[in-house]
Amino acid sequence: MAIEISQAQVPSLILLSVLLAGCAIAIYLSLKSGDKYSVKDSERNAISFAGVINEAQGPMTTFLTLAFIVIILWAVIYLVLYL
């Protein structure tokens, strides 16, 4: 049984493919983001506030960097297209 794809469905399928690939890349990067900065490193650099809250400072992860780049690019493209 063959599946027929009409000309009108192609842009939707391309968008779906891009979104699925983007989600897969985001999940992979979020899972690999803790490899370079261990829990011991974060505990060593943490500042404790009354023993209740700990604030740790560490490097920016690849996932977060890529997320910022995607958001900035989307904003620029949106402004160019609609302003």
N, C-alpha and C. Protein backbone atom coordinates (compact mmCIF):
# COMPACT_ATOMS: atom_id res chain seq x y z
N MET A 1 0.84 -1.18 0.00
CA MET A 1 0.00 0.00 0.00
C MET A 1 0.89 1.25 0.00
N ALA A 2 0.84 2.00 -1.06
CA ALA A 2 1.67 3.19 -1.21
C ALA A 2 0.97 4.40 -0.59
N ILE A 3 1.77 5.26 -0.01
CA ILE A 3 1.24 6.50 0.57
C ILE A 3 1.46 7.62 -0.43
N GLU A 4 0.39 8.30 -0.79
CA GLU A 4 0.50 9.40 -1.74
C GLU A 4 0.60 10.72 -0.98
N ILE A 5 1.52 11.56 -1.41
CA ILE A 5 1.72 12.87 -0.80
C ILE A 5 1.40 13.92 -1.85
N SER A 6 0.45 14.78 -1.53
CA SER A 6 0.08 15.82 -2.48
C SER A 6 1.06 16.99 -2.40
N GLN A 7 1.00 17.84 -3.39
CA GLN A 7 1.88 19.01 -3.46
C GLN A 7 1.64 19.94 -2.27
N ALA A 8 0.43 20.00 -1.76
CA ALA A 8 0.10 20.89 -0.65
C ALA A 8 0.66 20.39 0.67
N GLN A 9 0.97 19.11 0.78
CA GLN A 9 1.47 18.55 2.03
C GLN A 9 2.98 18.67 2.18
N VAL A 10 3.70 18.98 1.12
CA VAL A 10 5.16 19.01 1.16
C VAL A 10 5.69 20.05 2.14
N PRO A 11 5.20 21.31 2.16
CA PRO A 11 5.73 22.26 3.15
C PRO A 11 5.47 21.82 4.59
N SER A 12 4.33 21.21 4.85
CA SER A 12 4.04 20.72 6.20
C SER A 12 4.98 19.59 6.59
N LEU A 13 5.28 18.71 5.65
CA LEU A 13 6.20 17.62 5.93
C LEU A 13 7.62 18.11 6.16
N ILE A 14 8.02 19.13 5.41
CA ILE A 14 9.35 19.72 5.61
C ILE A 14 9.43 20.37 6.98
N LEU A 15 8.40 21.12 7.36
CA LEU A 15 8.37 21.75 8.69
C LEU A 15 8.40 20.70 9.78
N LEU A 16 7.63 19.63 9.64
CA LEU A 16 7.62 18.55 10.62
C LEU A 16 8.99 17.90 10.73
N SER A 17 9.65 17.67 9.60
CA SER A 17 10.98 17.06 9.60
C SER A 17 12.00 17.95 10.30
N VAL A 18 11.94 19.25 10.03
CA VAL A 18 12.87 20.20 10.67
C VAL A 18 12.62 20.25 12.18
N LEU A 19 11.35 20.28 12.58
CA LEU A 19 11.03 20.31 14.02
C LEU A 19 11.47 19.03 14.71
N LEU A 20 11.26 17.89 14.11
CA LEU A 20 11.70 16.63 14.70
C LEU A 20 13.21 16.55 14.81
N ALA A 21 13.91 16.98 13.77
CA ALA A 21 15.37 16.99 13.81
C ALA A 21 15.88 17.96 14.88
N GLY A 22 15.23 19.13 14.98
CA GLY A 22 15.62 20.11 15.99
C GLY A 22 15.40 19.59 17.40
N CYS A 23 14.29 18.90 17.61
CA CYS A 23 14.02 18.31 18.93
C CYS A 23 15.03 17.22 19.26
N ALA A 24 15.37 16.40 18.28
CA ALA A 24 16.36 15.34 18.51
C ALA A 24 17.73 15.94 18.85
N ILE A 25 18.13 16.98 18.14
CA ILE A 25 19.41 17.64 18.43
C ILE A 25 19.38 18.29 19.80
N ALA A 26 18.28 18.94 20.16
CA ALA A 26 18.16 19.59 21.46
C ALA A 26 18.22 18.57 22.60
N ILE A 27 17.56 17.44 22.43
CA ILE A 27 17.60 16.40 23.46
C ILE A 27 19.01 15.84 23.60
N TYR A 28 19.67 15.59 22.49
CA TYR A 28 21.05 15.09 22.54
C TYR A 28 21.98 16.08 23.25
N LEU A 29 21.89 17.35 22.88
CA LEU A 29 22.76 18.35 23.49
C LEU A 29 22.45 18.55 24.97
N SER A 30 21.18 18.48 25.35
CA SER A 30 20.85 18.64 26.75
C SER A 30 21.33 17.46 27.58
N LEU A 31 21.34 16.27 26.99
CA LEU A 31 21.85 15.10 27.71
C LEU A 31 23.37 15.13 27.83
N LYS A 32 24.06 15.67 26.85
CA LYS A 32 25.53 15.72 26.86
C LYS A 32 26.07 16.97 27.54
N SER A 33 25.21 17.89 27.99
CA SER A 33 25.68 19.17 28.49
C SER A 33 26.42 19.06 29.82
N GLY A 34 26.18 18.02 30.60
CA GLY A 34 26.82 17.90 31.89
C GLY A 34 28.14 17.16 31.87
N ASP A 35 28.60 16.74 30.72
CA ASP A 35 29.82 15.94 30.65
C ASP A 35 31.08 16.72 31.00
N LYS A 36 31.13 17.99 30.66
CA LYS A 36 32.34 18.78 30.87
C LYS A 36 32.42 19.39 32.27
N TYR A 37 31.31 19.48 32.97
CA TYR A 37 31.27 20.14 34.27
C TYR A 37 30.59 19.20 35.24
N SER A 38 31.36 18.58 36.11
CA SER A 38 30.83 17.54 36.97
C SER A 38 30.10 18.12 38.19
N VAL A 39 29.44 17.25 38.91
CA VAL A 39 28.73 17.65 40.13
C VAL A 39 29.73 18.13 41.18
N LYS A 40 30.89 17.50 41.24
CA LYS A 40 31.91 17.92 42.21
C LYS A 40 32.40 19.33 41.89
N ASP A 41 32.55 19.64 40.61
CA ASP A 41 32.96 21.00 40.23
C ASP A 41 31.92 22.02 40.66
N SER A 42 30.65 21.70 40.46
CA SER A 42 29.61 22.65 40.83
C SER A 42 29.50 22.80 42.34
N GLU A 43 29.69 21.72 43.09
CA GLU A 43 29.66 21.81 44.56
C GLU A 43 30.85 22.60 45.08
N ARG A 44 31.99 22.47 44.44
CA ARG A 44 33.19 23.19 44.88
C ARG A 44 33.04 24.70 44.65
N ASN A 45 32.37 25.09 43.58
CA ASN A 45 32.21 26.50 43.25
C ASN A 45 30.91 27.10 43.75
N ALA A 46 30.13 26.33 44.52
CA ALA A 46 28.82 26.80 44.95
C ALA A 46 28.93 27.75 46.14
N ILE A 47 28.01 28.68 46.20
CA ILE A 47 27.89 29.60 47.32
C ILE A 47 26.61 29.23 48.05
N SER A 48 26.71 29.01 49.35
CA SER A 48 25.55 28.58 50.12
C SER A 48 24.93 29.78 50.83
N PHE A 49 23.62 29.87 50.78
CA PHE A 49 22.88 30.93 51.48
C PHE A 49 22.07 30.29 52.59
N ALA A 50 22.50 30.44 53.82
CA ALA A 50 21.84 29.94 55.03
C ALA A 50 21.63 28.43 54.98
N GLY A 51 22.43 27.73 54.22
CA GLY A 51 22.34 26.29 54.13
C GLY A 51 21.10 25.79 53.43
N VAL A 52 20.33 26.69 52.82
CA VAL A 52 19.08 26.29 52.17
C VAL A 52 19.22 26.32 50.65
N ILE A 53 19.82 27.37 50.13
CA ILE A 53 19.95 27.56 48.69
C ILE A 53 21.43 27.56 48.33
N ASN A 54 21.77 26.83 47.28
CA ASN A 54 23.12 26.84 46.75
C ASN A 54 23.12 27.44 45.36
N GLU A 55 24.04 28.34 45.13
CA GLU A 55 24.19 28.95 43.82
C GLU A 55 25.54 28.54 43.26
N ALA A 56 25.52 27.88 42.13
CA ALA A 56 26.76 27.43 41.50
C ALA A 56 26.97 28.20 40.20
N GLN A 57 28.21 28.49 39.91
CA GLN A 57 28.56 29.17 38.68
C GLN A 57 29.44 28.25 37.86
N GLY A 58 29.07 28.08 36.61
CA GLY A 58 29.83 27.21 35.75
C GLY A 58 29.80 27.71 34.32
N PRO A 59 30.43 26.98 33.43
CA PRO A 59 30.45 27.39 32.03
C PRO A 59 29.08 27.23 31.39
N MET A 60 28.86 27.99 30.34
CA MET A 60 27.60 27.88 29.60
C MET A 60 27.64 26.61 28.74
N THR A 61 26.57 25.84 28.77
CA THR A 61 26.55 24.57 28.04
C THR A 61 26.32 24.81 26.54
N THR A 62 26.64 23.80 25.76
CA THR A 62 26.44 23.87 24.32
C THR A 62 24.96 24.01 23.99
N PHE A 63 24.12 23.30 24.75
CA PHE A 63 22.67 23.38 24.53
C PHE A 63 22.18 24.80 24.73
N LEU A 64 22.61 25.45 25.80
CA LEU A 64 22.16 26.80 26.08
C LEU A 64 22.69 27.79 25.04
N THR A 65 23.93 27.62 24.64
CA THR A 65 24.50 28.49 23.60
C THR A 65 23.73 28.35 22.29
N LEU A 66 23.45 27.11 21.89
CA LEU A 66 22.71 26.88 20.66
C LEU A 66 21.28 27.41 20.76
N ALA A 67 20.66 27.26 21.94
CA ALA A 67 19.30 27.78 22.13
C ALA A 67 19.28 29.30 21.98
N PHE A 68 20.26 29.99 22.56
CA PHE A 68 20.33 31.45 22.41
C PHE A 68 20.53 31.85 20.96
N ILE A 69 21.38 31.14 20.24
CA ILE A 69 21.63 31.46 18.83
C ILE A 69 20.35 31.28 18.01
N VAL A 70 19.63 30.19 18.24
CA VAL A 70 18.39 29.93 17.49
C VAL A 70 17.35 31.01 17.80
N ILE A 71 17.21 31.39 19.06
CA ILE A 71 16.23 32.41 19.43
C ILE A 71 16.59 33.76 18.81
N ILE A 72 17.86 34.12 18.83
CA ILE A 72 18.29 35.40 18.26
C ILE A 72 18.08 35.40 16.74
N LEU A 73 18.44 34.30 16.07
CA LEU A 73 18.22 34.21 14.63
C LEU A 73 16.74 34.29 14.28
N TRP A 74 15.90 33.59 15.05
CA TRP A 74 14.47 33.64 14.80
C TRP A 74 13.95 35.07 14.96
N ALA A 75 14.41 35.78 16.00
CA ALA A 75 13.96 37.15 16.22
C ALA A 75 14.39 38.07 15.08
N VAL A 76 15.61 37.93 14.61
CA VAL A 76 16.10 38.77 13.51
C VAL A 76 15.32 38.47 12.23
N ILE A 77 15.12 37.20 11.92
CA ILE A 77 14.36 36.83 10.73
C ILE A 77 12.93 37.35 10.83
N TYR A 78 12.32 37.22 11.99
CA TYR A 78 10.96 37.69 12.19
C TYR A 78 10.87 39.21 11.98
N LEU A 79 11.84 39.95 12.55
CA LEU A 79 11.83 41.40 12.40
C LEU A 79 12.03 41.82 10.94
N VAL A 80 12.92 41.12 10.22
CA VAL A 80 13.15 41.45 8.82
C VAL A 80 11.91 41.16 7.97
N LEU A 81 11.23 40.07 8.26
CA LEU A 81 10.07 39.69 7.45
C LEU A 81 8.83 40.54 7.75
N TYR A 82 8.63 40.94 9.01
CA TYR A 82 7.37 41.55 9.38
C TYR A 82 7.46 43.01 9.82
N LEU A 83 8.59 43.64 9.67
CA LEU A 83 8.68 45.08 9.97
C LEU A 83 9.09 45.87 8.75
